[in-house]
């Protein structure tokens, strides 16, 4: 998911299983201010190395979970070489991207399941707000709501690709 502020600042949440470069190019994205890997499955991080190499990326966020997949190991090796990229492990402090604020929610380790804990965030821009939760499943979503971390929002992105598990 790509979110752009009026000043052109860009948040990219997950990068899909393959390179999103053509799509980013078509959108005119020249830099990524905040790159978020909701969790380290290949269908979310597969295209991230391609995002990191040809354009500036200011900050990278993930859940801190290491896995042994080739794509994850390549992503971590690339981040290690790019010292200019700030690395934040969720929840972390709110991230300011232009006029947007991205509040990273506490991770729900008790409700992890196979797709978690997913990095979830509430993005705010003026009166607009969005709840974005990666592949969070019901237990994790319940923990977010019961913990009072999810306000009334303008936009809810369906978790887990809109499946019944979310």
N, C-alpha and C. Protein backbone atom coordinates (compact mmCIF):
# COMPACT_ATOMS: atom_id res chain seq x y z
N UNK A 1 0.85 -1.17 0.00
CA UNK A 1 0.00 0.00 0.00
C UNK A 1 0.90 1.24 0.00
N UNK A 2 0.64 2.15 -0.89
CA UNK A 2 1.38 3.40 -0.99
C UNK A 2 0.48 4.53 -0.51
N UNK A 3 1.01 5.35 0.41
CA UNK A 3 0.29 6.52 0.88
C UNK A 3 1.20 7.72 0.65
N UNK A 4 0.66 8.74 -0.02
CA UNK A 4 1.47 9.94 -0.32
C UNK A 4 0.83 11.16 0.30
N UNK A 5 1.67 11.96 0.93
CA UNK A 5 1.22 13.24 1.50
C UNK A 5 1.21 14.28 0.38
N UNK A 6 0.51 15.40 0.58
CA UNK A 6 0.47 16.44 -0.44
C UNK A 6 1.86 16.95 -0.85
N UNK A 7 2.82 16.90 0.06
CA UNK A 7 4.17 17.34 -0.26
C UNK A 7 5.00 16.30 -0.98
N UNK A 8 4.40 15.13 -1.29
CA UNK A 8 5.09 14.07 -2.00
C UNK A 8 5.75 13.05 -1.09
N UNK A 9 5.72 13.26 0.22
CA UNK A 9 6.30 12.28 1.14
C UNK A 9 5.52 10.98 1.02
N UNK A 10 6.25 9.87 1.13
CA UNK A 10 5.65 8.57 0.80
C UNK A 10 5.86 7.55 1.91
N UNK A 11 4.79 6.82 2.21
CA UNK A 11 4.84 5.66 3.10
C UNK A 11 4.49 4.46 2.23
N UNK A 12 5.33 3.42 2.30
CA UNK A 12 5.04 2.17 1.59
C UNK A 12 4.92 1.08 2.63
N UNK A 13 3.74 0.49 2.71
CA UNK A 13 3.50 -0.59 3.66
C UNK A 13 3.45 -1.88 2.88
N UNK A 14 4.45 -2.71 3.12
CA UNK A 14 4.67 -3.97 2.42
C UNK A 14 4.99 -3.69 0.94
N UNK A 15 5.63 -4.68 0.32
CA UNK A 15 6.07 -4.47 -1.06
C UNK A 15 5.68 -5.62 -1.96
N UNK A 16 4.81 -6.49 -1.49
CA UNK A 16 4.35 -7.58 -2.32
C UNK A 16 5.41 -8.64 -2.56
N UNK A 17 5.06 -9.67 -3.32
CA UNK A 17 5.99 -10.77 -3.57
C UNK A 17 7.04 -10.48 -4.63
N UNK A 18 6.81 -9.45 -5.44
CA UNK A 18 7.73 -9.13 -6.54
C UNK A 18 7.98 -7.63 -6.56
N UNK A 19 8.86 -7.20 -7.40
CA UNK A 19 9.27 -5.81 -7.46
C UNK A 19 8.11 -4.86 -7.75
N UNK A 20 7.94 -3.81 -6.92
CA UNK A 20 6.92 -2.80 -7.20
C UNK A 20 7.49 -1.58 -7.94
N UNK A 21 8.70 -1.71 -8.48
CA UNK A 21 9.37 -0.54 -9.06
C UNK A 21 8.58 0.13 -10.17
N UNK A 22 8.03 -0.65 -11.07
CA UNK A 22 7.27 -0.06 -12.19
C UNK A 22 6.08 0.74 -11.67
N UNK A 23 5.40 0.19 -10.70
CA UNK A 23 4.25 0.87 -10.09
C UNK A 23 4.70 2.17 -9.40
N UNK A 24 5.78 2.11 -8.63
CA UNK A 24 6.28 3.31 -7.95
C UNK A 24 6.73 4.36 -8.95
N UNK A 25 7.35 3.91 -10.03
CA UNK A 25 7.79 4.82 -11.09
C UNK A 25 6.58 5.52 -11.72
N UNK A 26 5.53 4.75 -12.02
CA UNK A 26 4.32 5.32 -12.61
C UNK A 26 3.68 6.35 -11.70
N UNK A 27 3.81 6.15 -10.38
CA UNK A 27 3.25 7.09 -9.40
C UNK A 27 4.17 8.29 -9.17
N UNK A 28 5.37 8.25 -9.73
CA UNK A 28 6.31 9.35 -9.55
C UNK A 28 7.01 9.35 -8.19
N UNK A 29 7.08 8.19 -7.55
CA UNK A 29 7.73 8.09 -6.24
C UNK A 29 9.24 8.08 -6.44
N UNK A 30 9.89 9.12 -5.93
CA UNK A 30 11.34 9.23 -6.07
C UNK A 30 12.07 8.86 -4.80
N UNK A 31 11.36 8.86 -3.67
CA UNK A 31 11.94 8.43 -2.41
C UNK A 31 10.83 7.84 -1.56
N UNK A 32 11.21 7.00 -0.62
CA UNK A 32 10.27 6.42 0.33
C UNK A 32 10.69 6.90 1.70
N UNK A 33 9.82 7.63 2.35
CA UNK A 33 10.15 8.18 3.66
C UNK A 33 10.00 7.15 4.76
N UNK A 34 9.02 6.26 4.62
CA UNK A 34 8.81 5.22 5.62
C UNK A 34 8.42 3.93 4.89
N UNK A 35 9.24 2.90 5.06
CA UNK A 35 9.00 1.59 4.46
C UNK A 35 8.68 0.63 5.60
N UNK A 36 7.49 0.03 5.55
CA UNK A 36 7.04 -0.84 6.64
C UNK A 36 6.87 -2.28 6.13
N UNK A 37 7.55 -3.20 6.80
CA UNK A 37 7.34 -4.63 6.57
C UNK A 37 6.46 -5.12 7.71
N UNK A 38 5.19 -5.40 7.41
CA UNK A 38 4.28 -5.78 8.50
C UNK A 38 4.71 -7.07 9.17
N UNK A 39 5.26 -7.99 8.38
CA UNK A 39 5.84 -9.22 8.92
C UNK A 39 6.68 -9.84 7.80
N UNK A 40 7.60 -10.76 8.16
CA UNK A 40 8.61 -11.19 7.19
C UNK A 40 8.22 -12.32 6.24
N UNK A 41 6.98 -12.40 5.82
CA UNK A 41 6.61 -13.39 4.81
C UNK A 41 6.93 -12.85 3.43
N UNK A 42 7.32 -13.73 2.53
CA UNK A 42 7.74 -13.32 1.19
C UNK A 42 6.69 -12.52 0.43
N UNK A 43 5.39 -12.79 0.68
CA UNK A 43 4.37 -12.03 -0.04
C UNK A 43 4.24 -10.59 0.46
N UNK A 44 4.99 -10.24 1.50
CA UNK A 44 5.00 -8.87 2.01
C UNK A 44 6.35 -8.18 1.83
N UNK A 45 7.43 -8.96 1.84
CA UNK A 45 8.77 -8.36 1.74
C UNK A 45 9.49 -8.68 0.44
N UNK A 46 8.87 -9.45 -0.43
CA UNK A 46 9.53 -9.91 -1.65
C UNK A 46 10.10 -8.81 -2.52
N UNK A 47 9.43 -7.65 -2.59
CA UNK A 47 9.90 -6.57 -3.44
C UNK A 47 10.68 -5.48 -2.71
N UNK A 48 10.96 -5.67 -1.43
CA UNK A 48 11.58 -4.59 -0.66
C UNK A 48 13.02 -4.28 -1.05
N UNK A 49 13.80 -5.27 -1.40
CA UNK A 49 15.18 -4.99 -1.80
C UNK A 49 15.17 -4.09 -3.03
N UNK A 50 14.24 -4.32 -3.95
CA UNK A 50 14.14 -3.48 -5.14
C UNK A 50 13.76 -2.05 -4.78
N UNK A 51 13.00 -1.86 -3.71
CA UNK A 51 12.62 -0.52 -3.28
C UNK A 51 13.83 0.18 -2.66
N UNK A 52 14.63 -0.56 -1.91
CA UNK A 52 15.75 0.03 -1.18
C UNK A 52 16.92 0.44 -2.07
N UNK A 53 17.11 -0.22 -3.19
CA UNK A 53 18.33 0.01 -3.94
C UNK A 53 18.32 1.21 -4.88
N UNK A 54 17.28 1.51 -5.65
CA UNK A 54 17.42 2.61 -6.60
C UNK A 54 16.99 4.00 -6.10
N UNK A 55 16.42 4.08 -4.92
CA UNK A 55 15.91 5.36 -4.44
C UNK A 55 16.16 5.47 -2.94
N UNK A 56 16.21 6.71 -2.44
CA UNK A 56 16.43 6.88 -1.00
C UNK A 56 15.24 6.36 -0.19
N UNK A 57 15.55 5.67 0.88
CA UNK A 57 14.57 5.25 1.87
C UNK A 57 15.07 5.80 3.20
N UNK A 58 14.22 6.52 3.91
CA UNK A 58 14.66 7.18 5.14
C UNK A 58 14.54 6.29 6.37
N UNK A 59 13.44 5.54 6.48
CA UNK A 59 13.25 4.70 7.67
C UNK A 59 12.56 3.40 7.28
N UNK A 60 12.95 2.33 7.96
CA UNK A 60 12.40 0.99 7.75
C UNK A 60 11.85 0.51 9.08
N UNK A 61 10.64 -0.06 9.06
CA UNK A 61 10.00 -0.58 10.26
C UNK A 61 9.65 -2.04 10.03
N UNK A 62 9.93 -2.87 11.03
CA UNK A 62 9.44 -4.26 11.01
C UNK A 62 9.12 -4.69 12.43
N UNK A 63 8.71 -5.96 12.58
CA UNK A 63 8.32 -6.45 13.90
C UNK A 63 9.48 -7.09 14.67
N UNK A 64 10.66 -7.10 14.10
CA UNK A 64 11.82 -7.64 14.79
C UNK A 64 11.94 -9.15 14.77
N UNK A 65 11.06 -9.83 14.05
CA UNK A 65 11.10 -11.28 13.97
C UNK A 65 12.00 -11.70 12.82
N UNK A 66 13.02 -12.48 13.13
CA UNK A 66 13.94 -12.99 12.10
C UNK A 66 13.43 -14.33 11.58
N UNK A 67 13.52 -14.51 10.28
CA UNK A 67 13.20 -15.80 9.66
C UNK A 67 14.36 -16.19 8.76
N UNK A 68 14.35 -17.41 8.28
CA UNK A 68 15.48 -17.90 7.50
C UNK A 68 15.23 -17.94 6.00
N UNK A 69 14.19 -17.26 5.53
CA UNK A 69 13.92 -17.27 4.08
C UNK A 69 15.00 -16.48 3.35
N UNK A 70 15.26 -16.86 2.10
CA UNK A 70 16.26 -16.17 1.29
C UNK A 70 15.93 -14.68 1.14
N UNK A 71 14.67 -14.37 0.91
CA UNK A 71 14.28 -12.97 0.70
C UNK A 71 14.49 -12.14 1.97
N UNK A 72 14.16 -12.72 3.11
CA UNK A 72 14.37 -12.00 4.37
C UNK A 72 15.85 -11.77 4.61
N UNK A 73 16.67 -12.78 4.40
CA UNK A 73 18.11 -12.65 4.62
C UNK A 73 18.71 -11.62 3.66
N UNK A 74 18.23 -11.60 2.42
CA UNK A 74 18.70 -10.60 1.45
C UNK A 74 18.28 -9.19 1.87
N UNK A 75 17.05 -9.06 2.37
CA UNK A 75 16.56 -7.76 2.84
C UNK A 75 17.42 -7.25 4.00
N UNK A 76 17.70 -8.11 4.97
CA UNK A 76 18.50 -7.70 6.12
C UNK A 76 19.93 -7.34 5.70
N UNK A 77 20.50 -8.09 4.77
CA UNK A 77 21.85 -7.78 4.29
C UNK A 77 21.87 -6.44 3.57
N UNK A 78 20.83 -6.15 2.81
CA UNK A 78 20.74 -4.87 2.11
C UNK A 78 20.62 -3.72 3.10
N UNK A 79 19.77 -3.88 4.10
CA UNK A 79 19.62 -2.84 5.12
C UNK A 79 20.92 -2.60 5.88
N UNK A 80 21.66 -3.66 6.13
CA UNK A 80 22.93 -3.53 6.83
C UNK A 80 23.92 -2.68 6.02
N UNK A 81 23.89 -2.81 4.70
CA UNK A 81 24.78 -2.03 3.83
C UNK A 81 24.36 -0.57 3.71
N UNK A 82 23.08 -0.29 3.93
CA UNK A 82 22.54 1.06 3.74
C UNK A 82 22.45 1.78 5.08
N UNK A 83 23.56 2.30 5.52
CA UNK A 83 23.62 2.92 6.85
C UNK A 83 22.73 4.16 6.97
N UNK A 84 22.33 4.76 5.85
CA UNK A 84 21.49 5.96 5.90
C UNK A 84 20.02 5.65 6.22
N UNK A 85 19.64 4.37 6.20
CA UNK A 85 18.26 3.99 6.50
C UNK A 85 18.14 3.76 8.01
N UNK A 86 17.27 4.52 8.66
CA UNK A 86 17.00 4.30 10.09
C UNK A 86 16.13 3.05 10.22
N UNK A 87 16.48 2.20 11.16
CA UNK A 87 15.71 0.97 11.38
C UNK A 87 14.97 1.09 12.70
N UNK A 88 13.65 0.88 12.64
CA UNK A 88 12.78 0.98 13.81
C UNK A 88 12.08 -0.36 13.97
N UNK A 89 12.09 -0.87 15.19
CA UNK A 89 11.31 -2.08 15.48
C UNK A 89 10.02 -1.64 16.14
N UNK A 90 8.90 -2.10 15.61
CA UNK A 90 7.60 -1.72 16.15
C UNK A 90 7.49 -2.24 17.59
N UNK A 91 6.79 -1.52 18.46
CA UNK A 91 5.95 -0.41 18.12
C UNK A 91 6.71 0.88 17.84
N UNK A 92 7.69 1.24 18.60
CA UNK A 92 8.47 2.44 18.30
C UNK A 92 7.67 3.71 18.44
N UNK A 93 8.36 4.84 18.34
CA UNK A 93 7.68 6.13 18.46
C UNK A 93 6.86 6.44 17.22
N UNK A 94 5.91 7.37 17.34
CA UNK A 94 5.16 7.78 16.15
C UNK A 94 6.13 8.30 15.10
N UNK A 95 5.85 7.99 13.86
CA UNK A 95 6.69 8.41 12.75
C UNK A 95 5.98 9.57 12.04
N UNK A 96 6.68 10.68 11.87
CA UNK A 96 6.14 11.82 11.15
C UNK A 96 6.67 11.78 9.73
N UNK A 97 5.75 11.78 8.78
CA UNK A 97 6.10 11.75 7.36
C UNK A 97 5.35 12.90 6.70
N UNK A 98 6.07 14.00 6.49
CA UNK A 98 5.40 15.20 5.98
C UNK A 98 4.32 15.61 6.96
N UNK A 99 3.12 15.79 6.47
CA UNK A 99 1.98 16.17 7.31
C UNK A 99 1.26 14.98 7.91
N UNK A 100 1.77 13.77 7.67
CA UNK A 100 1.15 12.55 8.20
C UNK A 100 1.86 12.11 9.47
N UNK A 101 1.10 11.46 10.34
CA UNK A 101 1.67 10.79 11.50
C UNK A 101 1.29 9.32 11.42
N UNK A 102 2.27 8.46 11.62
CA UNK A 102 2.03 7.02 11.61
C UNK A 102 2.32 6.51 13.01
N UNK A 103 1.25 6.13 13.72
CA UNK A 103 1.39 5.58 15.07
C UNK A 103 1.50 4.07 14.97
N UNK A 104 2.65 3.54 15.35
CA UNK A 104 2.86 2.09 15.31
C UNK A 104 2.28 1.49 16.58
N UNK A 105 1.40 0.51 16.43
CA UNK A 105 0.70 -0.07 17.57
C UNK A 105 1.54 -1.14 18.26
N UNK A 106 1.27 -1.37 19.54
CA UNK A 106 2.00 -2.42 20.26
C UNK A 106 1.79 -3.77 19.59
N UNK A 107 2.86 -4.54 19.50
CA UNK A 107 2.76 -5.88 18.91
C UNK A 107 2.02 -6.80 19.87
N UNK A 108 1.24 -7.69 19.33
CA UNK A 108 0.46 -8.63 20.13
C UNK A 108 1.08 -10.01 20.03
N UNK A 109 2.11 -10.26 20.84
CA UNK A 109 2.83 -11.54 20.77
C UNK A 109 1.97 -12.71 21.22
N UNK A 110 1.02 -12.50 22.12
CA UNK A 110 0.16 -13.58 22.58
C UNK A 110 -0.81 -14.03 21.49
N UNK A 111 -1.09 -13.17 20.55
CA UNK A 111 -2.04 -13.46 19.48
C UNK A 111 -1.33 -13.63 18.16
N UNK A 112 -0.10 -14.12 18.19
CA UNK A 112 0.74 -14.12 17.00
C UNK A 112 0.17 -14.93 15.85
N UNK A 113 -0.08 -16.20 16.03
CA UNK A 113 -0.54 -17.02 14.92
C UNK A 113 0.52 -17.09 13.83
N UNK A 114 0.20 -17.69 12.69
CA UNK A 114 1.19 -17.85 11.64
C UNK A 114 1.58 -16.54 10.94
N UNK A 115 0.78 -15.51 11.04
CA UNK A 115 1.05 -14.27 10.34
C UNK A 115 1.39 -13.11 11.26
N UNK A 116 1.72 -13.42 12.46
CA UNK A 116 1.96 -12.31 13.36
C UNK A 116 3.14 -12.54 14.24
N UNK A 117 3.38 -11.59 15.04
CA UNK A 117 2.56 -10.39 15.09
C UNK A 117 2.83 -9.48 13.91
N UNK A 118 1.78 -9.00 13.32
CA UNK A 118 1.93 -8.06 12.21
C UNK A 118 2.07 -6.65 12.76
N UNK A 119 2.90 -5.86 12.11
CA UNK A 119 2.99 -4.44 12.45
C UNK A 119 1.67 -3.80 12.01
N UNK A 120 1.04 -3.13 12.94
CA UNK A 120 -0.20 -2.41 12.63
C UNK A 120 0.02 -0.95 12.95
N UNK A 121 -0.72 -0.10 12.26
CA UNK A 121 -0.53 1.33 12.44
C UNK A 121 -1.83 2.07 12.23
N UNK A 122 -1.89 3.21 12.89
CA UNK A 122 -2.95 4.18 12.62
C UNK A 122 -2.26 5.37 11.95
N UNK A 123 -2.67 5.65 10.74
CA UNK A 123 -2.11 6.76 9.97
C UNK A 123 -3.08 7.92 10.06
N UNK A 124 -2.55 9.10 10.38
CA UNK A 124 -3.40 10.29 10.49
C UNK A 124 -2.89 11.40 9.58
N UNK A 125 -3.83 12.06 8.94
CA UNK A 125 -3.55 13.25 8.13
C UNK A 125 -4.74 14.17 8.29
N UNK A 126 -4.58 15.24 9.05
CA UNK A 126 -5.72 16.13 9.32
C UNK A 126 -6.83 15.34 9.99
N UNK A 127 -8.04 15.45 9.45
CA UNK A 127 -9.19 14.75 10.01
C UNK A 127 -9.28 13.30 9.52
N UNK A 128 -8.44 12.94 8.56
CA UNK A 128 -8.45 11.58 8.00
C UNK A 128 -7.59 10.66 8.86
N UNK A 129 -8.08 9.43 9.07
CA UNK A 129 -7.28 8.41 9.75
C UNK A 129 -7.56 7.05 9.12
N UNK A 130 -6.55 6.19 9.16
CA UNK A 130 -6.68 4.85 8.58
C UNK A 130 -6.06 3.84 9.53
N UNK A 131 -6.69 2.68 9.64
CA UNK A 131 -6.15 1.58 10.42
C UNK A 131 -5.63 0.54 9.43
N UNK A 132 -4.33 0.26 9.52
CA UNK A 132 -3.65 -0.65 8.60
C UNK A 132 -3.01 -1.75 9.44
N UNK A 133 -3.32 -3.02 9.14
CA UNK A 133 -2.90 -4.07 10.06
C UNK A 133 -2.26 -5.29 9.41
N UNK A 134 -1.69 -5.15 8.23
CA UNK A 134 -0.97 -6.26 7.63
C UNK A 134 -1.80 -7.52 7.55
N UNK A 135 -1.25 -8.61 8.07
CA UNK A 135 -1.95 -9.89 8.09
C UNK A 135 -2.46 -10.24 9.48
N UNK A 136 -2.78 -9.23 10.28
CA UNK A 136 -3.30 -9.50 11.61
C UNK A 136 -4.51 -10.43 11.53
N UNK A 137 -4.53 -11.39 12.43
CA UNK A 137 -5.67 -12.30 12.49
C UNK A 137 -6.57 -11.88 13.63
N UNK A 138 -7.68 -12.57 13.80
CA UNK A 138 -8.70 -12.14 14.76
C UNK A 138 -8.16 -11.90 16.17
N UNK A 139 -7.32 -12.77 16.66
CA UNK A 139 -6.82 -12.61 18.03
C UNK A 139 -6.02 -11.33 18.17
N UNK A 140 -5.20 -11.03 17.17
CA UNK A 140 -4.40 -9.80 17.23
C UNK A 140 -5.29 -8.56 17.08
N UNK A 141 -6.24 -8.62 16.17
CA UNK A 141 -7.16 -7.50 15.99
C UNK A 141 -7.96 -7.25 17.26
N UNK A 142 -8.39 -8.33 17.90
CA UNK A 142 -9.12 -8.21 19.16
C UNK A 142 -8.26 -7.54 20.22
N UNK A 143 -6.98 -7.93 20.29
CA UNK A 143 -6.06 -7.32 21.27
C UNK A 143 -5.90 -5.83 20.99
N UNK A 144 -5.81 -5.43 19.72
CA UNK A 144 -5.70 -4.00 19.39
C UNK A 144 -6.93 -3.24 19.87
N UNK A 145 -8.12 -3.78 19.58
CA UNK A 145 -9.37 -3.09 19.93
C UNK A 145 -9.55 -3.08 21.45
N UNK A 146 -9.39 -4.24 22.09
CA UNK A 146 -9.59 -4.30 23.54
C UNK A 146 -8.55 -3.48 24.30
N UNK A 147 -7.37 -3.31 23.72
CA UNK A 147 -6.34 -2.49 24.34
C UNK A 147 -6.55 -1.00 24.12
N UNK A 148 -7.59 -0.63 23.38
CA UNK A 148 -7.89 0.77 23.12
C UNK A 148 -6.93 1.44 22.15
N UNK A 149 -6.27 0.64 21.31
CA UNK A 149 -5.28 1.19 20.38
C UNK A 149 -5.85 1.63 19.05
N UNK A 150 -7.09 1.23 18.76
CA UNK A 150 -7.69 1.56 17.46
C UNK A 150 -8.84 2.54 17.67
N UNK A 151 -8.65 3.78 17.25
CA UNK A 151 -9.74 4.76 17.36
C UNK A 151 -10.74 4.56 16.22
N UNK A 152 -11.82 5.32 16.25
CA UNK A 152 -12.69 5.36 15.08
C UNK A 152 -11.85 5.91 13.94
N UNK A 153 -11.89 5.25 12.79
CA UNK A 153 -11.07 5.66 11.66
C UNK A 153 -11.93 5.93 10.44
N UNK A 154 -11.37 6.67 9.52
CA UNK A 154 -12.03 6.97 8.25
C UNK A 154 -11.94 5.77 7.32
N UNK A 155 -10.81 5.07 7.35
CA UNK A 155 -10.55 3.97 6.44
C UNK A 155 -10.02 2.77 7.20
N UNK A 156 -10.59 1.62 6.95
CA UNK A 156 -10.09 0.36 7.49
C UNK A 156 -9.63 -0.48 6.31
N UNK A 157 -8.33 -0.77 6.26
CA UNK A 157 -7.82 -1.67 5.23
C UNK A 157 -8.05 -3.09 5.73
N UNK A 158 -8.76 -3.89 4.96
CA UNK A 158 -9.06 -5.26 5.38
C UNK A 158 -7.77 -6.02 5.62
N UNK A 159 -7.64 -6.63 6.81
CA UNK A 159 -6.42 -7.36 7.12
C UNK A 159 -6.35 -8.69 6.38
N UNK A 160 -5.16 -9.21 6.31
CA UNK A 160 -4.89 -10.53 5.73
C UNK A 160 -5.52 -10.70 4.35
N UNK A 161 -5.30 -9.71 3.49
CA UNK A 161 -5.78 -9.75 2.11
C UNK A 161 -7.28 -9.93 2.02
N UNK A 162 -8.00 -9.54 3.08
CA UNK A 162 -9.46 -9.64 3.09
C UNK A 162 -9.99 -11.03 3.38
N UNK A 163 -9.14 -11.94 3.84
CA UNK A 163 -9.59 -13.31 4.10
C UNK A 163 -10.45 -13.39 5.35
N UNK A 164 -11.11 -14.50 5.54
CA UNK A 164 -11.94 -14.72 6.71
C UNK A 164 -11.12 -14.85 7.98
N UNK A 165 -9.81 -15.05 7.87
CA UNK A 165 -8.95 -15.21 9.05
C UNK A 165 -8.70 -13.88 9.75
N UNK A 166 -8.92 -12.75 9.06
CA UNK A 166 -8.64 -11.44 9.62
C UNK A 166 -9.80 -10.90 10.40
